[in-house]
Structure formats: C-alpha cells, structure tokens
All heavy atoms as atom14 arrays in JSON, in Angstrom:
{
  "sequence": "TYVALALAPTDGLMGTVQRIMYVHVPTAWVAFLAFFM",
  "atom14_mask": [
    [1, 1, 1, 1, 1, 1, 1, 0, 0, 0, 0, 0, 0, 0],
    [1, 1, 1, 1, 1, 1, 1, 1, 1, 1, 1, 1, 0, 0],
    [1, 1, 1, 1, 1, 1, 1, 0, 0, 0, 0, 0, 0, 0],
    [1, 1, 1, 1, 1, 0, 0, 0, 0, 0, 0, 0, 0, 0],
    [1, 1, 1, 1, 1, 1, 1, 1, 0, 0, 0, 0, 0, 0],
    [1, 1, 1, 1, 1, 0, 0, 0, 0, 0, 0, 0, 0, 0],
    [1, 1, 1, 1, 1, 1, 1, 1, 0, 0, 0, 0, 0, 0],
    [1, 1, 1, 1, 1, 0, 0, 0, 0, 0, 0, 0, 0, 0],
    [1, 1, 1, 1, 1, 1, 1, 0, 0, 0, 0, 0, 0, 0],
    [1, 1, 1, 1, 1, 1, 1, 0, 0, 0, 0, 0, 0, 0],
    [1, 1, 1, 1, 1, 1, 1, 1, 0, 0, 0, 0, 0, 0],
    [1, 1, 1, 1, 0, 0, 0, 0, 0, 0, 0, 0, 0, 0],
    [1, 1, 1, 1, 1, 1, 1, 1, 0, 0, 0, 0, 0, 0],
    [1, 1, 1, 1, 1, 1, 1, 1, 0, 0, 0, 0, 0, 0],
    [1, 1, 1, 1, 0, 0, 0, 0, 0, 0, 0, 0, 0, 0],
    [1, 1, 1, 1, 1, 1, 1, 0, 0, 0, 0, 0, 0, 0],
    [1, 1, 1, 1, 1, 1, 1, 0, 0, 0, 0, 0, 0, 0],
    [1, 1, 1, 1, 1, 1, 1, 1, 1, 0, 0, 0, 0, 0],
    [1, 1, 1, 1, 1, 1, 1, 1, 1, 1, 1, 0, 0, 0],
    [1, 1, 1, 1, 1, 1, 1, 1, 0, 0, 0, 0, 0, 0],
    [1, 1, 1, 1, 1, 1, 1, 1, 0, 0, 0, 0, 0, 0],
    [1, 1, 1, 1, 1, 1, 1, 1, 1, 1, 1, 1, 0, 0],
    [1, 1, 1, 1, 1, 1, 1, 0, 0, 0, 0, 0, 0, 0],
    [1, 1, 1, 1, 1, 1, 1, 1, 1, 1, 0, 0, 0, 0],
    [1, 1, 1, 1, 1, 1, 1, 0, 0, 0, 0, 0, 0, 0],
    [1, 1, 1, 1, 1, 1, 1, 0, 0, 0, 0, 0, 0, 0],
    [1, 1, 1, 1, 1, 1, 1, 0, 0, 0, 0, 0, 0, 0],
    [1, 1, 1, 1, 1, 0, 0, 0, 0, 0, 0, 0, 0, 0],
    [1, 1, 1, 1, 1, 1, 1, 1, 1, 1, 1, 1, 1, 1],
    [1, 1, 1, 1, 1, 1, 1, 0, 0, 0, 0, 0, 0, 0],
    [1, 1, 1, 1, 1, 0, 0, 0, 0, 0, 0, 0, 0, 0],
    [1, 1, 1, 1, 1, 1, 1, 1, 1, 1, 1, 0, 0, 0],
    [1, 1, 1, 1, 1, 1, 1, 1, 0, 0, 0, 0, 0, 0],
    [1, 1, 1, 1, 1, 0, 0, 0, 0, 0, 0, 0, 0, 0],
    [1, 1, 1, 1, 1, 1, 1, 1, 1, 1, 1, 0, 0, 0],
    [1, 1, 1, 1, 1, 1, 1, 1, 1, 1, 1, 0, 0, 0],
    [1, 1, 1, 1, 1, 1, 1, 1, 0, 0, 0, 0, 0, 0]
  ],
  "atom14_positions": [
    [[90.1, 96.06, 115.59], [89.04, 95.88, 116.51], [88.35, 94.54, 116.34], [88.06, 93.76, 117.33], [87.94, 96.96, 116.5], [88.61, 98.24, 116.63], [86.89, 96.83, 117.53], [0.0, 0.0, 0.0], [0.0, 0.0, 0.0], [0.0, 0.0, 0.0], [0.0, 0.0, 0.0], [0.0, 0.0, 0.0], [0.0, 0.0, 0.0], [0.0, 0.0, 0.0]],
    [[88.08, 94.14, 115.11], [87.47, 92.82, 114.85], [88.38, 91.67, 115.33], [87.97, 90.81, 115.93], [87.12, 92.71, 113.38], [86.72, 91.29, 112.94], [85.41, 90.84, 113.34], [87.49, 90.47, 112.31], [84.96, 89.57, 113.06], [87.06, 89.18, 111.97], [85.79, 88.78, 112.38], [85.37, 87.46, 112.02], [0.0, 0.0, 0.0], [0.0, 0.0, 0.0]],
    [[89.62, 91.78, 114.93], [90.65, 90.72, 115.32], [90.74, 90.64, 116.81], [90.76, 89.55, 117.43], [91.95, 91.05, 114.7], [93.03, 90.11, 115.24], [91.93, 90.83, 113.15], [0.0, 0.0, 0.0], [0.0, 0.0, 0.0], [0.0, 0.0, 0.0], [0.0, 0.0, 0.0], [0.0, 0.0, 0.0], [0.0, 0.0, 0.0], [0.0, 0.0, 0.0]],
    [[90.81, 91.79, 117.57], [91.01, 91.77, 118.96], [89.77, 91.24, 119.75], [89.9, 90.58, 120.73], [91.29, 93.23, 119.49], [0.0, 0.0, 0.0], [0.0, 0.0, 0.0], [0.0, 0.0, 0.0], [0.0, 0.0, 0.0], [0.0, 0.0, 0.0], [0.0, 0.0, 0.0], [0.0, 0.0, 0.0], [0.0, 0.0, 0.0], [0.0, 0.0, 0.0]],
    [[88.55, 91.6, 119.2], [87.39, 91.17, 119.99], [86.75, 89.87, 119.51], [86.04, 89.29, 120.27], [86.35, 92.34, 119.87], [86.77, 93.63, 120.52], [85.65, 94.67, 120.37], [87.01, 93.43, 122.03], [0.0, 0.0, 0.0], [0.0, 0.0, 0.0], [0.0, 0.0, 0.0], [0.0, 0.0, 0.0], [0.0, 0.0, 0.0], [0.0, 0.0, 0.0]],
    [[86.99, 89.47, 118.22], [86.32, 88.33, 117.74], [87.28, 87.17, 117.52], [86.9, 86.02, 117.77], [85.59, 88.64, 116.4], [0.0, 0.0, 0.0], [0.0, 0.0, 0.0], [0.0, 0.0, 0.0], [0.0, 0.0, 0.0], [0.0, 0.0, 0.0], [0.0, 0.0, 0.0], [0.0, 0.0, 0.0], [0.0, 0.0, 0.0], [0.0, 0.0, 0.0]],
    [[88.49, 87.37, 117.06], [89.38, 86.32, 116.7], [90.37, 85.89, 117.77], [90.94, 84.84, 117.68], [90.13, 86.68, 115.4], [89.26, 86.76, 114.15], [90.14, 87.13, 112.93], [88.41, 85.57, 113.89], [0.0, 0.0, 0.0], [0.0, 0.0, 0.0], [0.0, 0.0, 0.0], [0.0, 0.0, 0.0], [0.0, 0.0, 0.0], [0.0, 0.0, 0.0]],
    [[90.61, 86.81, 118.66], [91.56, 86.5, 119.77], [91.04, 85.34, 120.69], [89.87, 85.33, 120.93], [91.79, 87.71, 120.62], [0.0, 0.0, 0.0], [0.0, 0.0, 0.0], [0.0, 0.0, 0.0], [0.0, 0.0, 0.0], [0.0, 0.0, 0.0], [0.0, 0.0, 0.0], [0.0, 0.0, 0.0], [0.0, 0.0, 0.0], [0.0, 0.0, 0.0]],
    [[91.95, 84.48, 121.02], [91.55, 83.35, 121.91], [91.13, 83.84, 123.26], [91.62, 84.85, 123.75], [92.76, 82.45, 121.99], [93.89, 83.34, 121.67], [93.38, 84.43, 120.75], [0.0, 0.0, 0.0], [0.0, 0.0, 0.0], [0.0, 0.0, 0.0], [0.0, 0.0, 0.0], [0.0, 0.0, 0.0], [0.0, 0.0, 0.0], [0.0, 0.0, 0.0]],
    [[90.18, 83.1, 123.89], [89.77, 83.43, 125.23], [90.82, 83.07, 126.25], [91.43, 81.96, 126.22], [88.44, 82.64, 125.55], [87.5, 82.91, 124.48], [87.91, 83.09, 126.86], [0.0, 0.0, 0.0], [0.0, 0.0, 0.0], [0.0, 0.0, 0.0], [0.0, 0.0, 0.0], [0.0, 0.0, 0.0], [0.0, 0.0, 0.0], [0.0, 0.0, 0.0]],
    [[91.04, 83.94, 127.21], [92.02, 83.69, 128.27], [91.48, 82.67, 129.26], [90.31, 82.58, 129.52], [92.31, 85.05, 129.0], [93.42, 84.96, 129.99], [94.52, 84.52, 129.6], [93.21, 85.31, 131.13], [0.0, 0.0, 0.0], [0.0, 0.0, 0.0], [0.0, 0.0, 0.0], [0.0, 0.0, 0.0], [0.0, 0.0, 0.0], [0.0, 0.0, 0.0]],
    [[92.42, 81.93, 129.79], [92.08, 80.89, 130.74], [91.53, 81.36, 132.06], [90.67, 80.77, 132.68], [0.0, 0.0, 0.0], [0.0, 0.0, 0.0], [0.0, 0.0, 0.0], [0.0, 0.0, 0.0], [0.0, 0.0, 0.0], [0.0, 0.0, 0.0], [0.0, 0.0, 0.0], [0.0, 0.0, 0.0], [0.0, 0.0, 0.0], [0.0, 0.0, 0.0]],
    [[92.05, 82.48, 132.57], [91.7, 82.99, 133.89], [90.56, 84.05, 133.85], [89.62, 83.94, 134.58], [92.88, 83.66, 134.57], [94.07, 82.69, 134.94], [95.21, 83.43, 135.53], [93.52, 81.66, 135.99], [0.0, 0.0, 0.0], [0.0, 0.0, 0.0], [0.0, 0.0, 0.0], [0.0, 0.0, 0.0], [0.0, 0.0, 0.0], [0.0, 0.0, 0.0]],
    [[90.71, 85.01, 132.96], [89.76, 86.11, 132.89], [88.59, 85.89, 131.96], [87.62, 86.62, 131.93], [90.45, 87.36, 132.54], [91.49, 87.88, 133.66], [92.3, 89.35, 133.24], [90.95, 90.53, 133.33], [0.0, 0.0, 0.0], [0.0, 0.0, 0.0], [0.0, 0.0, 0.0], [0.0, 0.0, 0.0], [0.0, 0.0, 0.0], [0.0, 0.0, 0.0]],
    [[88.72, 84.99, 131.02], [87.63, 84.73, 130.06], [87.59, 85.8, 128.96], [88.61, 86.3, 128.56], [0.0, 0.0, 0.0], [0.0, 0.0, 0.0], [0.0, 0.0, 0.0], [0.0, 0.0, 0.0], [0.0, 0.0, 0.0], [0.0, 0.0, 0.0], [0.0, 0.0, 0.0], [0.0, 0.0, 0.0], [0.0, 0.0, 0.0], [0.0, 0.0, 0.0]],
    [[86.4, 86.09, 128.58], [86.26, 87.09, 127.46], [86.48, 88.49, 127.87], [86.71, 89.33, 126.99], [84.77, 86.91, 126.86], [83.88, 87.21, 127.92], [84.61, 85.6, 126.32], [0.0, 0.0, 0.0], [0.0, 0.0, 0.0], [0.0, 0.0, 0.0], [0.0, 0.0, 0.0], [0.0, 0.0, 0.0], [0.0, 0.0, 0.0], [0.0, 0.0, 0.0]],
    [[86.48, 88.73, 129.19], [86.71, 90.16, 129.63], [88.14, 90.58, 129.27], [88.39, 91.78, 129.05], [86.5, 90.2, 131.19], [86.77, 91.58, 131.69], [85.07, 89.87, 131.52], [0.0, 0.0, 0.0], [0.0, 0.0, 0.0], [0.0, 0.0, 0.0], [0.0, 0.0, 0.0], [0.0, 0.0, 0.0], [0.0, 0.0, 0.0], [0.0, 0.0, 0.0]],
    [[89.07, 89.66, 129.18], [90.51, 90.05, 128.96], [90.7, 90.58, 127.51], [91.57, 91.33, 127.3], [91.34, 88.82, 129.17], [92.79, 89.05, 129.21], [93.52, 88.79, 127.88], [92.98, 88.2, 127.01], [94.73, 89.33, 127.73], [0.0, 0.0, 0.0], [0.0, 0.0, 0.0], [0.0, 0.0, 0.0], [0.0, 0.0, 0.0], [0.0, 0.0, 0.0]],
    [[89.77, 90.21, 126.55], [89.91, 90.68, 125.2], [89.86, 92.25, 125.07], [90.42, 92.79, 124.14], [88.81, 90.07, 124.37], [89.0, 88.66, 124.13], [87.86, 88.17, 123.22], [87.86, 86.68, 123.11], [87.07, 86.01, 122.5], [86.07, 86.61, 121.9], [87.18, 84.72, 122.44], [0.0, 0.0, 0.0], [0.0, 0.0, 0.0], [0.0, 0.0, 0.0]],
    [[89.1, 92.85, 126.02], [88.99, 94.28, 125.87], [90.33, 95.02, 126.08], [90.54, 96.09, 125.6], [87.9, 94.81, 126.81], [87.4, 96.17, 126.42], [88.4, 94.9, 128.27], [86.56, 96.22, 125.18], [0.0, 0.0, 0.0], [0.0, 0.0, 0.0], [0.0, 0.0, 0.0], [0.0, 0.0, 0.0], [0.0, 0.0, 0.0], [0.0, 0.0, 0.0]],
    [[91.31, 94.34, 126.75], [92.61, 94.97, 127.0], [93.35, 95.06, 125.65], [94.23, 95.91, 125.5], [93.42, 94.15, 128.01], [92.82, 94.22, 129.4], [93.82, 93.65, 130.7], [94.63, 92.25, 130.14], [0.0, 0.0, 0.0], [0.0, 0.0, 0.0], [0.0, 0.0, 0.0], [0.0, 0.0, 0.0], [0.0, 0.0, 0.0], [0.0, 0.0, 0.0]],
    [[93.03, 94.21, 124.64], [93.63, 94.36, 123.28], [93.32, 95.61, 122.61], [93.98, 96.07, 121.8], [93.28, 93.15, 122.44], [93.77, 91.8, 122.89], [92.98, 90.68, 122.93], [95.05, 91.67, 123.44], [93.4, 89.46, 123.38], [95.56, 90.41, 123.87], [94.66, 89.35, 123.84], [95.15, 88.22, 124.35], [0.0, 0.0, 0.0], [0.0, 0.0, 0.0]],
    [[92.2, 96.19, 123.01], [91.78, 97.5, 122.43], [92.14, 98.67, 123.34], [92.66, 99.67, 122.86], [90.27, 97.49, 122.23], [89.83, 98.84, 121.64], [89.82, 96.4, 121.29], [0.0, 0.0, 0.0], [0.0, 0.0, 0.0], [0.0, 0.0, 0.0], [0.0, 0.0, 0.0], [0.0, 0.0, 0.0], [0.0, 0.0, 0.0], [0.0, 0.0, 0.0]],
    [[91.99, 98.61, 124.67], [92.21, 99.66, 125.54], [93.64, 100.01, 125.73], [93.97, 101.22, 125.84], [91.59, 99.43, 126.87], [90.07, 99.67, 126.96], [89.15, 98.67, 127.1], [89.38, 100.8, 126.75], [87.99, 99.2, 127.0], [88.09, 100.45, 126.82], [0.0, 0.0, 0.0], [0.0, 0.0, 0.0], [0.0, 0.0, 0.0], [0.0, 0.0, 0.0]],
    [[94.56, 99.06, 125.85], [95.94, 99.4, 126.12], [96.6, 100.09, 124.97], [97.24, 101.14, 125.19], [96.71, 98.06, 126.52], [98.23, 98.37, 126.59], [96.19, 97.54, 127.79], [0.0, 0.0, 0.0], [0.0, 0.0, 0.0], [0.0, 0.0, 0.0], [0.0, 0.0, 0.0], [0.0, 0.0, 0.0], [0.0, 0.0, 0.0], [0.0, 0.0, 0.0]],
    [[96.44, 99.69, 123.69], [97.04, 100.49, 122.59], [96.41, 101.89, 122.53], [97.02, 102.87, 122.22], [96.74, 99.66, 121.33], [96.55, 98.3, 121.78], [95.99, 98.47, 123.15], [0.0, 0.0, 0.0], [0.0, 0.0, 0.0], [0.0, 0.0, 0.0], [0.0, 0.0, 0.0], [0.0, 0.0, 0.0], [0.0, 0.0, 0.0], [0.0, 0.0, 0.0]],
    [[95.1, 101.99, 122.81], [94.42, 103.28, 122.82], [95.02, 104.25, 123.79], [95.27, 105.44, 123.56], [92.92, 103.05, 123.03], [92.36, 102.2, 122.02], [92.22, 104.44, 122.9], [0.0, 0.0, 0.0], [0.0, 0.0, 0.0], [0.0, 0.0, 0.0], [0.0, 0.0, 0.0], [0.0, 0.0, 0.0], [0.0, 0.0, 0.0], [0.0, 0.0, 0.0]],
    [[95.32, 103.7, 124.95], [95.92, 104.53, 126.05], [97.29, 104.99, 125.64], [97.67, 106.16, 125.86], [95.95, 103.74, 127.37], [0.0, 0.0, 0.0], [0.0, 0.0, 0.0], [0.0, 0.0, 0.0], [0.0, 0.0, 0.0], [0.0, 0.0, 0.0], [0.0, 0.0, 0.0], [0.0, 0.0, 0.0], [0.0, 0.0, 0.0], [0.0, 0.0, 0.0]],
    [[98.09, 104.1, 125.0], [99.41, 104.48, 124.55], [99.38, 105.6, 123.54], [100.12, 106.55, 123.6], [100.18, 103.3, 124.02], [100.83, 102.5, 125.13], [100.35, 101.32, 125.61], [102.09, 102.75, 125.79], [101.2, 100.85, 126.65], [102.24, 101.8, 126.73], [102.9, 103.87, 125.74], [103.37, 101.79, 127.57], [104.01, 103.89, 126.58], [104.22, 102.82, 127.44]],
    [[98.38, 105.47, 122.58], [98.29, 106.48, 121.58], [97.85, 107.83, 122.18], [98.29, 108.87, 121.79], [97.33, 106.04, 120.42], [96.95, 107.16, 119.48], [97.98, 104.83, 119.68], [0.0, 0.0, 0.0], [0.0, 0.0, 0.0], [0.0, 0.0, 0.0], [0.0, 0.0, 0.0], [0.0, 0.0, 0.0], [0.0, 0.0, 0.0], [0.0, 0.0, 0.0]],
    [[96.93, 107.79, 123.14], [96.54, 109.01, 123.85], [97.67, 109.71, 124.56], [97.8, 110.88, 124.48], [95.42, 108.67, 124.83], [0.0, 0.0, 0.0], [0.0, 0.0, 0.0], [0.0, 0.0, 0.0], [0.0, 0.0, 0.0], [0.0, 0.0, 0.0], [0.0, 0.0, 0.0], [0.0, 0.0, 0.0], [0.0, 0.0, 0.0], [0.0, 0.0, 0.0]],
    [[98.51, 108.87, 125.3], [99.6, 109.48, 125.97], [100.58, 110.06, 124.93], [101.16, 111.16, 125.19], [100.42, 108.46, 126.81], [99.59, 108.14, 128.11], [99.44, 106.8, 128.44], [99.12, 109.14, 128.97], [98.78, 106.47, 129.6], [98.51, 108.82, 130.06], [98.27, 107.49, 130.41], [0.0, 0.0, 0.0], [0.0, 0.0, 0.0], [0.0, 0.0, 0.0]],
    [[100.78, 109.39, 123.84], [101.67, 109.96, 122.8], [101.13, 111.23, 122.19], [101.88, 112.17, 122.03], [101.84, 108.91, 121.66], [102.68, 109.29, 120.54], [104.18, 109.57, 120.92], [102.65, 108.31, 119.38], [0.0, 0.0, 0.0], [0.0, 0.0, 0.0], [0.0, 0.0, 0.0], [0.0, 0.0, 0.0], [0.0, 0.0, 0.0], [0.0, 0.0, 0.0]],
    [[99.83, 111.28, 122.05], [99.24, 112.52, 121.54], [99.36, 113.71, 122.5], [99.7, 114.86, 122.1], [97.79, 112.32, 121.2], [0.0, 0.0, 0.0], [0.0, 0.0, 0.0], [0.0, 0.0, 0.0], [0.0, 0.0, 0.0], [0.0, 0.0, 0.0], [0.0, 0.0, 0.0], [0.0, 0.0, 0.0], [0.0, 0.0, 0.0], [0.0, 0.0, 0.0]],
    [[99.2, 113.4, 123.81], [99.36, 114.46, 124.8], [100.8, 114.95, 124.86], [101.01, 116.09, 124.93], [98.94, 113.97, 126.17], [97.42, 113.84, 126.39], [96.89, 112.7, 126.91], [96.62, 114.89, 126.03], [95.54, 112.57, 127.07], [95.26, 114.78, 126.21], [94.66, 113.58, 126.75], [0.0, 0.0, 0.0], [0.0, 0.0, 0.0], [0.0, 0.0, 0.0]],
    [[101.74, 113.98, 124.72], [103.13, 114.37, 124.77], [103.5, 115.18, 123.5], [104.27, 116.22, 123.68], [103.96, 113.14, 124.85], [105.51, 113.45, 124.79], [106.12, 114.04, 125.89], [106.24, 113.22, 123.6], [107.5, 114.35, 125.85], [107.55, 113.51, 123.56], [108.2, 114.09, 124.65], [0.0, 0.0, 0.0], [0.0, 0.0, 0.0], [0.0, 0.0, 0.0]],
    [[103.03, 114.76, 122.33], [103.27, 115.51, 121.16], [102.75, 116.93, 121.19], [103.37, 117.88, 120.72], [102.81, 114.76, 119.91], [103.59, 113.57, 119.64], [102.94, 112.57, 118.27], [103.09, 113.72, 116.91], [0.0, 0.0, 0.0], [0.0, 0.0, 0.0], [0.0, 0.0, 0.0], [0.0, 0.0, 0.0], [0.0, 0.0, 0.0], [0.0, 0.0, 0.0]]
  ]
}
C-alpha cells in the first residue's frame, strides 16, 4: 500500500487519482478468486 500510494510515479493524464488503481485492481482480483474458491 505504501509503495502503490506514495512511491509510484504520477500518471501524466490522470494525475494522482490513477495511483488508487494500484490498490483496487489487485484487491478485486483477490475478491473474485475468493468467491470462486
């Protein structure tokens, strides 16, 4: 979480809002995996 929100470089188009995808996308994948399991 620290690396994704603090150390990741800022995106040129979306700015700092894009950083939250580094946390949400893997969380969604893990949730889908848990539901499937």
